[in-house]
Amino acid sequence: MTTATAELLTVPEVMERLKLGRSTVYDLIRSRRLVSITVGRSRRIPVDAVRDFISYEIEEVA
């Protein structure tokens, strides 16, 4: 796996990391709470976007 590939996650990979369902992940993308890009017809989420989402959610609770 190259560095560029490792930095972009698929929706199922994000589902697994965040322990969320498919619909919830797509809702987060639609609401722009989770940044994503489209590559061809595929949706990819940068690893940094997942980290930022988690950090933001933790700050909201604190």
C-alpha atoms as a PDB file:
ATOM      1  CA  MET A   1       0.000   0.000   0.000  1.00  0.00           C
ATOM      2  CA  THR A   2       1.433   3.365  -0.992  1.00  0.00           C
ATOM      3  CA  THR A   3       1.379   6.424   1.245  1.00  0.00           C
ATOM      4  CA  ALA A   4      -1.232   8.157  -0.924  1.00  0.00           C
ATOM      5  CA  THR A   5      -3.520   5.120  -0.748  1.00  0.00           C
ATOM      6  CA  ALA A   6      -3.037   4.742   2.989  1.00  0.00           C
ATOM      7  CA  GLU A   7      -4.163   8.308   3.615  1.00  0.00           C
ATOM      8  CA  LEU A   8      -7.592   7.855   1.992  1.00  0.00           C
ATOM      9  CA  LEU A   9     -10.188   5.604   3.578  1.00  0.00           C
ATOM     10  CA  THR A  10     -13.264   4.008   2.068  1.00  0.00           C
ATOM     11  CA  VAL A  11     -16.662   4.400   3.707  1.00  0.00           C
ATOM     12  CA  PRO A  12     -16.516   0.823   5.096  1.00  0.00           C
ATOM     13  CA  GLU A  13     -13.092   1.555   6.625  1.00  0.00           C
ATOM     14  CA  VAL A  14     -14.474   4.693   8.292  1.00  0.00           C
ATOM     15  CA  MET A  15     -17.498   2.700   9.488  1.00  0.00           C
ATOM     16  CA  GLU A  16     -15.153   0.222  11.136  1.00  0.00           C
ATOM     17  CA  ARG A  17     -12.916   2.870  12.714  1.00  0.00           C
ATOM     18  CA  LEU A  18     -15.791   4.924  14.109  1.00  0.00           C
ATOM     19  CA  LYS A  19     -18.050   1.927  14.858  1.00  0.00           C
ATOM     20  CA  LEU A  20     -20.891   3.586  12.937  1.00  0.00           C
ATOM     21  CA  GLY A  21     -23.319   2.400  10.315  1.00  0.00           C
ATOM     22  CA  ARG A  22     -23.157   3.206   6.616  1.00  0.00           C
ATOM     23  CA  SER A  23     -26.085   5.641   6.724  1.00  0.00           C
ATOM     24  CA  THR A  24     -24.569   7.534   9.637  1.00  0.00           C
ATOM     25  CA  VAL A  25     -21.234   7.941   7.847  1.00  0.00           C
ATOM     26  CA  TYR A  26     -22.985   9.222   4.711  1.00  0.00           C
ATOM     27  CA  ASP A  27     -25.091  11.581   6.889  1.00  0.00           C
ATOM     28  CA  LEU A  28     -21.871  12.979   8.398  1.00  0.00           C
ATOM     29  CA  ILE A  29     -20.475  13.476   4.892  1.00  0.00           C
ATOM     30  CA  ARG A  30     -23.705  15.114   3.657  1.00  0.00           C
ATOM     31  CA  SER A  31     -23.810  17.472   6.647  1.00  0.00           C
ATOM     32  CA  ARG A  32     -20.129  18.322   6.053  1.00  0.00           C
ATOM     33  CA  ARG A  33     -19.157  17.206   9.553  1.00  0.00           C
ATOM     34  CA  LEU A  34     -16.856  14.650   7.908  1.00  0.00           C
ATOM     35  CA  VAL A  35     -14.805  15.866   4.950  1.00  0.00           C
ATOM     36  CA  SER A  36     -14.627  13.605   1.913  1.00  0.00           C
ATOM     37  CA  ILE A  37     -13.621  13.639  -1.731  1.00  0.00           C
ATOM     38  CA  THR A  38     -14.944  11.844  -4.771  1.00  0.00           C
ATOM     39  CA  VAL A  39     -12.539   9.837  -6.883  1.00  0.00           C
ATOM     40  CA  GLY A  40     -14.374   8.705  -9.970  1.00  0.00           C
ATOM     41  CA  ARG A  41     -17.598   7.302  -8.562  1.00  0.00           C
ATOM     42  CA  SER A  42     -16.050   6.394  -5.205  1.00  0.00           C
ATOM     43  CA  ARG A  43     -16.168   8.403  -1.994  1.00  0.00           C
ATOM     44  CA  ARG A  44     -12.908   8.629  -0.030  1.00  0.00           C
ATOM     45  CA  ILE A  45     -12.299  10.147   3.385  1.00  0.00           C
ATOM     46  CA  PRO A  46      -8.834  11.440   4.320  1.00  0.00           C
ATOM     47  CA  VAL A  47      -7.428   9.965   7.543  1.00  0.00           C
ATOM     48  CA  ASP A  48      -6.896  13.525   8.811  1.00  0.00           C
ATOM     49  CA  ALA A  49     -10.617  14.230   8.335  1.00  0.00           C
ATOM     50  CA  VAL A  50     -11.480  11.302  10.600  1.00  0.00           C
ATOM     51  CA  ARG A  51      -9.007  12.554  13.219  1.00  0.00           C
ATOM     52  CA  ASP A  52     -10.409  16.094  12.961  1.00  0.00           C
ATOM     53  CA  PHE A  53     -13.957  14.784  13.338  1.00  0.00           C
ATOM     54  CA  ILE A  54     -13.034  12.841  16.474  1.00  0.00           C
ATOM     55  CA  SER A  55     -11.166  15.840  17.961  1.00  0.00           C
ATOM     56  CA  TYR A  56     -14.094  18.161  17.262  1.00  0.00           C
ATOM     57  CA  GLU A  57     -16.586  15.754  18.833  1.00  0.00           C
ATOM     58  CA  ILE A  58     -14.406  15.385  21.933  1.00  0.00           C
ATOM     59  CA  GLU A  59     -14.124  19.187  22.277  1.00  0.00           C
ATOM     60  CA  GLU A  60     -17.921  19.535  21.965  1.00  0.00           C
ATOM     61  CA  VAL A  61     -18.465  17.161  24.879  1.00  0.00           C
ATOM     62  CA  ALA A  62     -15.849  18.825  27.093  1.00  0.00           C
END
